Amino acid sequence: MAIFIGPNFFHYYRSPLSFDELVVVADNFHLKPLMPLLTGDGLFYVLALSQQAVRLLECTRSSATEVEVENLPKSMDDALQYDPTAKDGQYRLSTSKGGTNNSFQHAGSFHGQGSPDQDKSQQDILQYFHIVDHALYEFLKNKKAPLVLAGVEYLFRIYREANNYPHLVAEGITGNPEHLKPEELHEQALPIVEPVFLQAQQEAMERYQELAAITEKTSTDVEEAVSAAYYGRVEELFVAVGVQQWGTFNPDTNIIEIHQEAEVGDDDLLNSAAIQPILNGGTVYAVEPEKVPAEAPLAAVFRY
């Protein structure tokens, strides 16, 4: 269990991870033990797609939660302003602002006639998916979590044509997802994302080793990494779970003090270093101590 208490604030969470008992009193919440669930090797999304419904699930290895996305259409009819009362299946397509090459879609005055004896055309589906993609892009921008598609297989190719999110996974969950519960989609997605997580972490480790050998863009020095993380220089960070490095960091003076034992006013500097890359669009791998390069408490890759 993880408990967070502050002025007018009390939240607790049940976690599938087991923790070493720890109490921290500091200016920031101690989040490092939870990071394996939230970053690097734990967070992913499932996009359940059909012409009748769209859902986005935010998942960890142990949970799946449907999230609300601003401007995400509820269905293809909703996106294309289909008129169900029209005898010929008339619908009002959304047209692009500034021309058809602009993916930002707005409702327009172009009208088409749907055929009652066949499914919506692939062009209509593609436009629908452009609208979905635009809403998701605003929600997912600056994120690096894998996105898994769930839907009838022929829709995958069309959606990939509209997609602008760079972390869309090649493999998807095939079949109609409309009646699948979040837990069922989560269960089918886990085997798909597991190799992605392992590959990403391995590639990050290899990248660190290569840079460490030829440049000064890496560091295992706690003082250097904490300061660099605060100022947005850390692109990737390996940090040891179950290990604390007590001390203080003053961002105004850029002075760090490290203490062997926790003193009044101290924070876990490893926790401080791990929070900042997430806030600045970086990636954090919270791993067992022996998996940190050079077996240091942390290892950072700098942007510059």
C-alpha atoms as a PDB file:
ATOM      1  CA  MET A   1       0.000   0.000   0.000  1.00  0.00           C
ATOM      2  CA  ALA A   2       1.161   3.533  -0.795  1.00  0.00           C
ATOM      3  CA  ILE A   3      -0.187   6.394   1.329  1.00  0.00           C
ATOM      4  CA  PHE A   4       0.269  10.089   0.533  1.00  0.00           C
ATOM      5  CA  ILE A   5      -0.633  12.736   3.116  1.00  0.00           C
ATOM      6  CA  GLY A   6      -0.324  16.508   2.874  1.00  0.00           C
ATOM      7  CA  PRO A   7      -2.242  19.626   3.917  1.00  0.00           C
ATOM      8  CA  ASN A   8      -5.881  18.980   2.946  1.00  0.00           C
ATOM      9  CA  PHE A   9      -4.721  15.922   0.999  1.00  0.00           C
ATOM     10  CA  PHE A  10      -5.027  12.206   1.722  1.00  0.00           C
ATOM     11  CA  HIS A  11      -4.841   9.408  -0.863  1.00  0.00           C
ATOM     12  CA  TYR A  12      -3.932   5.755  -0.637  1.00  0.00           C
ATOM     13  CA  TYR A  13      -3.378   3.152  -3.325  1.00  0.00           C
ATOM     14  CA  ARG A  14      -3.225  -0.605  -3.337  1.00  0.00           C
ATOM     15  CA  SER A  15      -0.373  -1.786  -5.507  1.00  0.00           C
ATOM     16  CA  PRO A  16       0.586  -5.162  -7.010  1.00  0.00           C
ATOM     17  CA  LEU A  17       4.185  -4.358  -6.054  1.00  0.00           C
ATOM     18  CA  SER A  18       5.547  -5.235  -2.653  1.00  0.00           C
ATOM     19  CA  PHE A  19       7.488  -2.453  -0.916  1.00  0.00           C
ATOM     20  CA  ASP A  20      10.078  -2.258   1.793  1.00  0.00           C
ATOM     21  CA  GLU A  21       8.444  -0.256   4.578  1.00  0.00           C
ATOM     22  CA  LEU A  22       9.474   3.386   4.341  1.00  0.00           C
ATOM     23  CA  VAL A  23       8.236   6.673   5.775  1.00  0.00           C
ATOM     24  CA  VAL A  24       9.409   9.919   4.174  1.00  0.00           C
ATOM     25  CA  VAL A  25       8.608  13.451   5.355  1.00  0.00           C
ATOM     26  CA  ALA A  26       9.666  15.973   2.720  1.00  0.00           C
ATOM     27  CA  ASP A  27       8.460  18.777   0.477  1.00  0.00           C
ATOM     28  CA  ASN A  28       7.720  16.279  -2.324  1.00  0.00           C
ATOM     29  CA  PHE A  29       5.906  12.954  -2.342  1.00  0.00           C
ATOM     30  CA  HIS A  30       8.174   9.926  -2.496  1.00  0.00           C
ATOM     31  CA  LEU A  31       7.138   8.349  -5.813  1.00  0.00           C
ATOM     32  CA  LYS A  32      10.178   6.303  -6.802  1.00  0.00           C
ATOM     33  CA  PRO A  33       8.860   2.927  -5.534  1.00  0.00           C
ATOM     34  CA  LEU A  34       5.804   3.338  -7.798  1.00  0.00           C
ATOM     35  CA  MET A  35       7.731   4.253 -10.932  1.00  0.00           C
ATOM     36  CA  PRO A  36       8.034   0.697 -12.300  1.00  0.00           C
ATOM     37  CA  LEU A  37       4.245   0.884 -12.726  1.00  0.00           C
ATOM     38  CA  LEU A  38       4.190   4.310 -14.321  1.00  0.00           C
ATOM     39  CA  THR A  39       7.259   4.819 -16.470  1.00  0.00           C
ATOM     40  CA  GLY A  40       9.629   3.127 -18.833  1.00  0.00           C
ATOM     41  CA  ASP A  41       8.391  -0.432 -18.437  1.00  0.00           C
ATOM     42  CA  GLY A  42       4.861  -0.120 -17.112  1.00  0.00           C
ATOM     43  CA  LEU A  43       2.594   2.383 -18.885  1.00  0.00           C
ATOM     44  CA  PHE A  44       0.781   1.723 -22.163  1.00  0.00           C
ATOM     45  CA  TYR A  45      -2.453   2.578 -23.958  1.00  0.00           C
ATOM     46  CA  VAL A  46      -5.069   0.513 -25.770  1.00  0.00           C
ATOM     47  CA  LEU A  47      -7.201   2.149 -28.465  1.00  0.00           C
ATOM     48  CA  ALA A  48     -10.372   0.114 -29.011  1.00  0.00           C
ATOM     49  CA  LEU A  49     -11.682   1.081 -32.449  1.00  0.00           C
ATOM     50  CA  SER A  50     -14.815   0.318 -34.391  1.00  0.00           C
ATOM     51  CA  GLN A  51     -17.168   2.349 -36.545  1.00  0.00           C
ATOM     52  CA  GLN A  52     -19.661   2.357 -33.674  1.00  0.00           C
ATOM     53  CA  ALA A  53     -17.387   3.193 -30.741  1.00  0.00           C
ATOM     54  CA  VAL A  54     -13.958   4.504 -29.689  1.00  0.00           C
ATOM     55  CA  ARG A  55     -12.329   3.958 -26.292  1.00  0.00           C
ATOM     56  CA  LEU A  56      -8.871   4.761 -24.978  1.00  0.00           C
ATOM     57  CA  LEU A  57      -7.556   2.755 -22.024  1.00  0.00           C
ATOM     58  CA  GLU A  58      -4.595   3.806 -19.904  1.00  0.00           C
ATOM     59  CA  CYS A  59      -2.914   0.673 -18.599  1.00  0.00           C
ATOM     60  CA  THR A  60      -0.138  -0.555 -16.375  1.00  0.00           C
ATOM     61  CA  ARG A  61       0.885  -4.163 -15.915  1.00  0.00           C
ATOM     62  CA  SER A  62      -1.829  -4.527 -13.282  1.00  0.00           C
ATOM     63  CA  SER A  63      -4.608  -2.101 -14.246  1.00  0.00           C
ATOM     64  CA  ALA A  64      -6.708  -0.705 -17.089  1.00  0.00           C
ATOM     65  CA  THR A  65      -8.703   2.520 -16.851  1.00  0.00           C
ATOM     66  CA  GLU A  66     -10.813   4.146 -19.553  1.00  0.00           C
ATOM     67  CA  VAL A  67      -9.787   7.778 -19.960  1.00  0.00           C
ATOM     68  CA  GLU A  68     -11.731  10.739 -21.294  1.00  0.00           C
ATOM     69  CA  VAL A  69     -10.083  12.453 -24.252  1.00  0.00           C
ATOM     70  CA  GLU A  70     -11.211  15.915 -25.279  1.00  0.00           C
ATOM     71  CA  ASN A  71     -12.756  16.062 -28.775  1.00  0.00           C
ATOM     72  CA  LEU A  72     -12.521  12.294 -29.244  1.00  0.00           C
ATOM     73  CA  PRO A  73     -15.638  11.283 -31.238  1.00  0.00           C
ATOM     74  CA  LYS A  74     -17.912   8.633 -29.804  1.00  0.00           C
ATOM     75  CA  SER A  75     -18.325   6.887 -33.160  1.00  0.00           C
ATOM     76  CA  MET A  76     -17.903   7.318 -36.890  1.00  0.00           C
ATOM     77  CA  ASP A  77     -21.398   8.778 -37.178  1.00  0.00           C
ATOM     78  CA  ASP A  78     -20.534  11.278 -34.472  1.00  0.00           C
ATOM     79  CA  ALA A  79     -17.289  12.249 -36.224  1.00  0.00           C
ATOM     80  CA  LEU A  80     -18.856  12.637 -39.689  1.00  0.00           C
ATOM     81  CA  GLN A  81     -22.147  14.063 -38.460  1.00  0.00           C
ATOM     82  CA  TYR A  82     -24.148  11.245 -40.005  1.00  0.00           C
ATOM     83  CA  ASP A  83     -27.883  11.916 -40.269  1.00  0.00           C
ATOM     84  CA  PRO A  84     -29.700   8.677 -39.355  1.00  0.00           C
ATOM     85  CA  THR A  85     -33.064  10.108 -40.471  1.00  0.00           C
ATOM     86  CA  ALA A  86     -31.951  10.550 -44.077  1.00  0.00           C
ATOM     87  CA  LYS A  87     -33.385   7.831 -46.307  1.00  0.00           C
ATOM     88  CA  ASP A  88     -30.246   7.542 -48.412  1.00  0.00           C
ATOM     89  CA  GLY A  89     -27.854   7.543 -45.474  1.00  0.00           C
ATOM     90  CA  GLN A  90     -26.847  11.149 -45.963  1.00  0.00           C
ATOM     91  CA  TYR A  91     -24.053  12.473 -43.824  1.00  0.00           C
ATOM     92  CA  ARG A  92     -22.147  15.708 -43.437  1.00  0.00           C
ATOM     93  CA  LEU A  93     -18.410  15.171 -43.676  1.00  0.00           C
ATOM     94  CA  SER A  94     -15.928  17.163 -41.650  1.00  0.00           C
ATOM     95  CA  THR A  95     -13.688  19.161 -43.950  1.00  0.00           C
ATOM     96  CA  SER A  96     -10.194  20.383 -43.254  1.00  0.00           C
ATOM     97  CA  LYS A  97      -9.434  23.894 -42.131  1.00  0.00           C
ATOM     98  CA  GLY A  98      -7.334  25.485 -44.835  1.00  0.00           C
ATOM     99  CA  GLY A  99      -7.629  22.635 -47.314  1.00  0.00           C
ATOM    100  CA  THR A 100      -7.775  18.872 -47.509  1.00  0.00           C
ATOM    101  CA  ASN A 101      -4.085  18.439 -46.715  1.00  0.00           C
ATOM    102  CA  ASN A 102      -4.577  19.815 -43.210  1.00  0.00           C
ATOM    103  CA  SER A 103      -5.304  16.985 -40.780  1.00  0.00           C
ATOM    104  CA  PHE A 104      -7.098  19.302 -38.363  1.00  0.00           C
ATOM    105  CA  GLN A 105     -10.709  18.502 -39.146  1.00  0.00           C
ATOM    106  CA  HIS A 106     -13.675  20.851 -38.856  1.00  0.00           C
ATOM    107  CA  ALA A 107     -17.323  20.268 -39.607  1.00  0.00           C
ATOM    108  CA  GLY A 108     -18.027  21.533 -43.103  1.00  0.00           C
ATOM    109  CA  SER A 109     -20.806  21.684 -45.636  1.00  0.00           C
ATOM    110  CA  PHE A 110     -19.719  18.899 -47.992  1.00  0.00           C
ATOM    111  CA  HIS A 111     -22.446  16.248 -48.259  1.00  0.00           C
ATOM    112  CA  GLY A 112     -22.089  12.671 -49.453  1.00  0.00           C
ATOM    113  CA  GLN A 113     -24.502   9.847 -50.022  1.00  0.00           C
ATOM    114  CA  GLY A 114     -23.898   6.605 -48.141  1.00  0.00           C
ATOM    115  CA  SER A 115     -24.874   3.334 -49.759  1.00  0.00           C
ATOM    116  CA  PRO A 116     -27.478   1.415 -47.728  1.00  0.00           C
ATOM    117  CA  ASP A 117     -26.273  -1.977 -48.971  1.00  0.00           C
ATOM    118  CA  GLN A 118     -22.574  -1.647 -48.142  1.00  0.00           C
ATOM    119  CA  ASP A 119     -20.375  -0.442 -45.324  1.00  0.00           C
ATOM    120  CA  LYS A 120     -19.024   3.076 -45.144  1.00  0.00           C
ATOM    121  CA  SER A 121     -16.300   3.604 -47.741  1.00  0.00           C
ATOM    122  CA  GLN A 122     -12.680   3.342 -46.740  1.00  0.00           C
ATOM    123  CA  GLN A 123     -12.251   7.040 -47.505  1.00  0.00           C
ATOM    124  CA  ASP A 124     -14.930   7.909 -44.957  1.00  0.00           C
ATOM    125  CA  ILE A 125     -13.273   5.613 -42.412  1.00  0.00           C
ATOM    126  CA  LEU A 126      -9.916   7.245 -43.089  1.00  0.00           C
ATOM    127  CA  GLN A 127     -11.367  10.703 -42.448  1.00  0.00           C
ATOM    128  CA  TYR A 128     -12.980   9.383 -39.259  1.00  0.00           C
ATOM    129  CA  PHE A 129      -9.595   8.044 -38.145  1.00  0.00           C
ATOM    130  CA  HIS A 130      -7.909  11.382 -38.910  1.00  0.00           C
ATOM    131  CA  ILE A 131     -10.328  13.005 -36.455  1.00  0.00           C
ATOM    132  CA  VAL A 132      -9.627  10.301 -33.861  1.00  0.00           C
ATOM    133  CA  ASP A 133      -5.878  10.674 -34.397  1.00  0.00           C
ATOM    134  CA  HIS A 134      -6.012  14.454 -33.982  1.00  0.00           C
ATOM    135  CA  ALA A 135      -7.784  14.166 -30.625  1.00  0.00           C
ATOM    136  CA  LEU A 136      -5.346  11.483 -29.460  1.00  0.00           C
ATOM    137  CA  TYR A 137      -2.346  13.484 -30.637  1.00  0.00           C
ATOM    138  CA  GLU A 138      -3.299  16.331 -28.331  1.00  0.00           C
ATOM    139  CA  PHE A 139      -3.677  13.866 -25.446  1.00  0.00           C
ATOM    140  CA  LEU A 140      -0.580  11.742 -26.155  1.00  0.00           C
ATOM    141  CA  LYS A 141       1.884  14.384 -27.332  1.00  0.00           C
ATOM    142  CA  ASN A 142       5.197  14.233 -25.458  1.00  0.00           C
ATOM    143  CA  LYS A 143       4.325  10.739 -24.206  1.00  0.00           C
ATOM    144  CA  LYS A 144       6.386   7.683 -25.122  1.00  0.00           C
ATOM    145  CA  ALA A 145       4.106   4.880 -23.933  1.00  0.00           C
ATOM    146  CA  PRO A 146       3.224   2.148 -26.459  1.00  0.00           C
ATOM    147  CA  LEU A 147      -0.215   2.347 -28.082  1.00  0.00           C
ATOM    148  CA  VAL A 148      -1.945  -0.917 -28.997  1.00  0.00           C
ATOM    149  CA  LEU A 149      -4.848  -1.019 -31.463  1.00  0.00           C
ATOM    150  CA  ALA A 150      -7.838  -3.264 -30.831  1.00  0.00           C
ATOM    151  CA  GLY A 151     -10.316  -3.796 -33.641  1.00  0.00           C
ATOM    152  CA  VAL A 152     -11.289  -5.671 -36.778  1.00  0.00           C
ATOM    153  CA  GLU A 153      -8.073  -6.359 -38.661  1.00  0.00           C
ATOM    154  CA  TYR A 154      -8.905  -4.487 -41.881  1.00  0.00           C
ATOM    155  CA  LEU A 155      -9.230  -1.251 -39.859  1.00  0.00           C
ATOM    156  CA  PHE A 156      -5.609  -1.449 -38.706  1.00  0.00           C
ATOM    157  CA  ARG A 157      -4.166  -0.532 -42.102  1.00  0.00           C
ATOM    158  CA  ILE A 158      -6.531   2.418 -42.470  1.00  0.00           C
ATOM    159  CA  TYR A 159      -5.792   3.726 -38.991  1.00  0.00           C
ATOM    160  CA  ARG A 160      -2.034   3.467 -39.521  1.00  0.00           C
ATOM    161  CA  GLU A 161      -2.429   5.728 -42.563  1.00  0.00           C
ATOM    162  CA  ALA A 162      -4.028   8.393 -40.327  1.00  0.00           C
ATOM    163  CA  ASN A 163      -1.812   7.859 -37.286  1.00  0.00           C
ATOM    164  CA  ASN A 164       0.740  10.464 -36.171  1.00  0.00           C
ATOM    165  CA  TYR A 165       1.682   8.930 -32.799  1.00  0.00           C
ATOM    166  CA  PRO A 166       5.208   7.502 -33.182  1.00  0.00           C
ATOM    167  CA  HIS A 167       4.820   4.756 -30.576  1.00  0.00           C
ATOM    168  CA  LEU A 168       1.984   2.798 -32.200  1.00  0.00           C
ATOM    169  CA  VAL A 169       2.793  -0.914 -31.811  1.00  0.00           C
ATOM    170  CA  ALA A 170       2.893  -3.032 -34.984  1.00  0.00           C
ATOM    171  CA  GLU A 171       0.856  -5.887 -33.524  1.00  0.00           C
ATOM    172  CA  GLY A 172      -2.758  -5.355 -32.464  1.00  0.00           C
ATOM    173  CA  ILE A 173      -5.683  -7.084 -30.766  1.00  0.00           C
ATOM    174  CA  THR A 174      -7.867  -8.476 -33.556  1.00  0.00           C
ATOM    175  CA  GLY A 175     -11.632  -8.806 -33.331  1.00  0.00           C
ATOM    176  CA  ASN A 176     -14.577  -6.601 -32.471  1.00  0.00           C
ATOM    177  CA  PRO A 177     -13.660  -4.799 -29.204  1.00  0.00           C
ATOM    178  CA  GLU A 178     -17.073  -3.257 -28.543  1.00  0.00           C
ATOM    179  CA  HIS A 179     -18.188  -5.830 -25.980  1.00  0.00           C
ATOM    180  CA  LEU A 180     -14.815  -6.479 -24.370  1.00  0.00           C
ATOM    181  CA  LYS A 181     -14.318  -5.163 -20.853  1.00  0.00           C
ATOM    182  CA  PRO A 182     -11.205  -3.100 -20.047  1.00  0.00           C
ATOM    183  CA  GLU A 183      -9.804  -6.052 -18.117  1.00  0.00           C
ATOM    184  CA  GLU A 184     -10.185  -8.323 -21.144  1.00  0.00           C
ATOM    185  CA  LEU A 185      -8.468  -5.854 -23.472  1.00  0.00           C
ATOM    186  CA  HIS A 186      -5.730  -5.406 -20.889  1.00  0.00           C
ATOM    187  CA  GLU A 187      -5.144  -9.144 -20.674  1.00  0.00           C
ATOM    188  CA  GLN A 188      -4.781  -9.450 -24.448  1.00  0.00           C
ATOM    189  CA  ALA A 189      -2.520  -6.392 -24.714  1.00  0.00           C
ATOM    190  CA  LEU A 190       0.034  -7.428 -22.077  1.00  0.00           C
ATOM    191  CA  PRO A 191       1.787 -10.091 -24.208  1.00  0.00           C
ATOM    192  CA  ILE A 192       2.006  -7.531 -27.030  1.00  0.00           C
ATOM    193  CA  VAL A 193       3.670  -4.746 -25.006  1.00  0.00           C
ATOM    194  CA  GLU A 194       5.972  -6.887 -22.862  1.00  0.00           C
ATOM    195  CA  PRO A 195       8.587  -7.343 -25.627  1.00  0.00           C
ATOM    196  CA  VAL A 196       8.311  -3.629 -26.417  1.00  0.00           C
ATOM    197  CA  PHE A 197       9.183  -2.724 -22.816  1.00  0.00           C
ATOM    198  CA  LEU A 198      12.108  -5.124 -22.681  1.00  0.00           C
ATOM    199  CA  GLN A 199      13.442  -3.943 -26.033  1.00  0.00           C
ATOM    200  CA  ALA A 200      13.163  -0.256 -25.090  1.00  0.00           C
ATOM    201  CA  GLN A 201      15.018  -0.775 -21.830  1.00  0.00           C
ATOM    202  CA  GLN A 202      17.718  -2.860 -23.504  1.00  0.00           C
ATOM    203  CA  GLU A 203      18.174  -0.247 -26.241  1.00  0.00           C
ATOM    204  CA  ALA A 204      18.414   2.480 -23.597  1.00  0.00           C
ATOM    205  CA  MET A 205      21.071   0.464 -21.773  1.00  0.00           C
ATOM    206  CA  GLU A 206      23.051  -0.028 -24.986  1.00  0.00           C
ATOM    207  CA  ARG A 207      22.717   3.647 -25.832  1.00  0.00           C
ATOM    208  CA  TYR A 208      24.043   4.572 -22.401  1.00  0.00           C
ATOM    209  CA  GLN A 209      27.056   2.267 -22.780  1.00  0.00           C
ATOM    210  CA  GLU A 210      27.871   3.664 -26.238  1.00  0.00           C
ATOM    211  CA  LEU A 211      27.618   7.288 -25.102  1.00  0.00           C
ATOM    212  CA  ALA A 212      29.574   6.621 -21.924  1.00  0.00           C
ATOM    213  CA  ALA A 213      32.470   5.295 -23.984  1.00  0.00           C
ATOM    214  CA  ILE A 214      32.777   8.206 -26.419  1.00  0.00           C
ATOM    215  CA  THR A 215      31.112  11.327 -24.960  1.00  0.00           C
ATOM    216  CA  GLU A 216      30.446  13.219 -21.730  1.00  0.00           C
ATOM    217  CA  LYS A 217      26.670  12.958 -22.150  1.00  0.00           C
ATOM    218  CA  THR A 218      26.300  10.388 -19.357  1.00  0.00           C
ATOM    219  CA  SER A 219      26.885  10.418 -15.628  1.00  0.00           C
ATOM    220  CA  THR A 220      26.535   8.247 -12.544  1.00  0.00           C
ATOM    221  CA  ASP A 221      27.309  11.162 -10.243  1.00  0.00           C
ATOM    222  CA  VAL A 222      24.305  11.930  -8.041  1.00  0.00           C
ATOM    223  CA  GLU A 223      25.088  15.629  -7.669  1.00  0.00           C
ATOM    224  CA  GLU A 224      25.518  16.160 -11.409  1.00  0.00           C
ATOM    225  CA  ALA A 225      22.438  14.118 -12.327  1.00  0.00           C
ATOM    226  CA  VAL A 226      20.116  15.798  -9.794  1.00  0.00           C
ATOM    227  CA  SER A 227      21.067  19.258 -11.024  1.00  0.00           C
ATOM    228  CA  ALA A 228      20.825  18.260 -14.699  1.00  0.00           C
ATOM    229  CA  ALA A 229      17.409  16.650 -14.138  1.00  0.00           C
ATOM    230  CA  TYR A 230      16.033  19.791 -12.505  1.00  0.00           C
ATOM    231  CA  TYR A 231      17.124  21.941 -15.450  1.00  0.00           C
ATOM    232  CA  GLY A 232      15.640  19.571 -18.049  1.00  0.00           C
ATOM    233  CA  ARG A 233      18.903  18.120 -19.373  1.00  0.00           C
ATOM    234  CA  VAL A 234      18.162  14.439 -18.612  1.00  0.00           C
ATOM    235  CA  GLU A 235      16.717  12.464 -21.515  1.00  0.00           C
ATOM    236  CA  GLU A 236      16.886   8.999 -19.922  1.00  0.00           C
ATOM    237  CA  LEU A 237      17.528   7.967 -16.336  1.00  0.00           C
ATOM    238  CA  PHE A 238      18.166   4.609 -14.699  1.00  0.00           C
ATOM    239  CA  VAL A 239      17.456   4.781 -10.979  1.00  0.00           C
ATOM    240  CA  ALA A 240      17.679   2.088  -8.327  1.00  0.00           C
ATOM    241  CA  VAL A 241      14.513   1.161  -6.464  1.00  0.00           C
ATOM    242  CA  GLY A 242      14.810   0.293  -2.784  1.00  0.00           C
ATOM    243  CA  VAL A 243      17.825   2.616  -2.409  1.00  0.00           C
ATOM    244  CA  GLN A 244      17.819   6.142  -0.977  1.00  0.00           C
ATOM    245  CA  GLN A 245      20.381   8.914  -1.157  1.00  0.00           C
ATOM    246  CA  TRP A 246      19.449  11.499   1.464  1.00  0.00           C
ATOM    247  CA  GLY A 247      20.327  15.144   1.106  1.00  0.00           C
ATOM    248  CA  THR A 248      19.131  18.558  -0.058  1.00  0.00           C
ATOM    249  CA  PHE A 249      19.169  20.428  -3.347  1.00  0.00           C
ATOM    250  CA  ASN A 250      18.727  24.188  -3.637  1.00  0.00           C
ATOM    251  CA  PRO A 251      17.835  25.029  -7.260  1.00  0.00           C
ATOM    252  CA  ASP A 252      18.401  28.748  -6.661  1.00  0.00           C
ATOM    253  CA  THR A 253      22.055  28.236  -5.767  1.00  0.00           C
ATOM    254  CA  ASN A 254      22.487  24.841  -7.483  1.00  0.00           C
ATOM    255  CA  ILE A 255      24.034  23.545  -4.269  1.00  0.00           C
ATOM    256  CA  ILE A 256      23.576  19.893  -3.268  1.00  0.00           C
ATOM    257  CA  GLU A 257      24.363  18.419   0.126  1.00  0.00           C
ATOM    258  CA  ILE A 258      24.568  14.633   0.534  1.00  0.00           C
ATOM    259  CA  HIS A 259      24.176  12.968   3.924  1.00  0.00           C
ATOM    260  CA  GLN A 260      24.910   9.412   4.992  1.00  0.00           C
ATOM    261  CA  GLU A 261      21.775   9.324   7.148  1.00  0.00           C
ATOM    262  CA  ALA A 262      18.481  11.185   6.712  1.00  0.00           C
ATOM    263  CA  GLU A 263      18.454  14.578   8.466  1.00  0.00           C
ATOM    264  CA  VAL A 264      15.637  17.028   9.090  1.00  0.00           C
ATOM    265  CA  GLY A 265      14.657  18.672   5.793  1.00  0.00           C
ATOM    266  CA  ASP A 266      16.272  15.969   3.645  1.00  0.00           C
ATOM    267  CA  ASP A 267      14.712  14.394   0.591  1.00  0.00           C
ATOM    268  CA  ASP A 268      15.720  11.278  -1.286  1.00  0.00           C
ATOM    269  CA  LEU A 269      17.791  12.837  -4.061  1.00  0.00           C
ATOM    270  CA  LEU A 270      17.218   9.780  -6.255  1.00  0.00           C
ATOM    271  CA  ASN A 271      13.483  10.434  -6.010  1.00  0.00           C
ATOM    272  CA  SER A 272      14.036  14.101  -6.911  1.00  0.00           C
ATOM    273  CA  ALA A 273      16.158  13.136  -9.898  1.00  0.00           C
ATOM    274  CA  ALA A 274      13.565  10.635 -11.122  1.00  0.00           C
ATOM    275  CA  ILE A 275      10.569  12.979 -10.990  1.00  0.00           C
ATOM    276  CA  GLN A 276      12.045  15.754 -13.128  1.00  0.00           C
ATOM    277  CA  PRO A 277      12.689  13.811 -16.379  1.00  0.00           C
ATOM    278  CA  ILE A 278       9.068  12.674 -16.373  1.00  0.00           C
ATOM    279  CA  LEU A 279       7.903  16.276 -16.029  1.00  0.00           C
ATOM    280  CA  ASN A 280      10.250  17.292 -18.864  1.00  0.00           C
ATOM    281  CA  GLY A 281       9.347  14.561 -21.373  1.00  0.00           C
ATOM    282  CA  GLY A 282      12.203  12.181 -20.514  1.00  0.00           C
ATOM    283  CA  THR A 283      12.109   8.481 -19.675  1.00  0.00           C
ATOM    284  CA  VAL A 284      12.859   6.877 -16.322  1.00  0.00           C
ATOM    285  CA  TYR A 285      13.724   3.218 -15.793  1.00  0.00           C
ATOM    286  CA  ALA A 286      13.224   2.352 -12.125  1.00  0.00           C
ATOM    287  CA  VAL A 287      15.086  -0.945 -11.836  1.00  0.00           C
ATOM    288  CA  GLU A 288      16.759  -3.228  -9.341  1.00  0.00           C
ATOM    289  CA  PRO A 289      20.102  -1.796  -8.137  1.00  0.00           C
ATOM    290  CA  GLU A 290      22.175  -4.357 -10.043  1.00  0.00           C
ATOM    291  CA  LYS A 291      20.538  -3.277 -13.326  1.00  0.00           C
ATOM    292  CA  VAL A 292      21.726   0.335 -13.085  1.00  0.00           C
ATOM    293  CA  PRO A 293      24.860   0.894 -15.242  1.00  0.00           C
ATOM    294  CA  ALA A 294      28.075   0.672 -13.225  1.00  0.00           C
ATOM    295  CA  GLU A 295      25.899  -0.504 -10.294  1.00  0.00           C
ATOM    296  CA  ALA A 296      25.563   3.144  -9.264  1.00  0.00           C
ATOM    297  CA  PRO A 297      22.464   4.558  -7.514  1.00  0.00           C
ATOM    298  CA  LEU A 298      21.535   6.237 -10.794  1.00  0.00           C
ATOM    299  CA  ALA A 299      22.780   6.699 -14.341  1.00  0.00           C
ATOM    300  CA  ALA A 300      21.735   9.569 -16.592  1.00  0.00           C
ATOM    301  CA  VAL A 301      21.850  10.267 -20.303  1.00  0.00           C
ATOM    302  CA  PHE A 302      21.935  14.010 -20.987  1.00  0.00           C
ATOM    303  CA  ARG A 303      20.220  15.834 -23.831  1.00  0.00           C
ATOM    304  CA  TYR A 304      23.182  18.174 -24.089  1.00  0.00           C
END
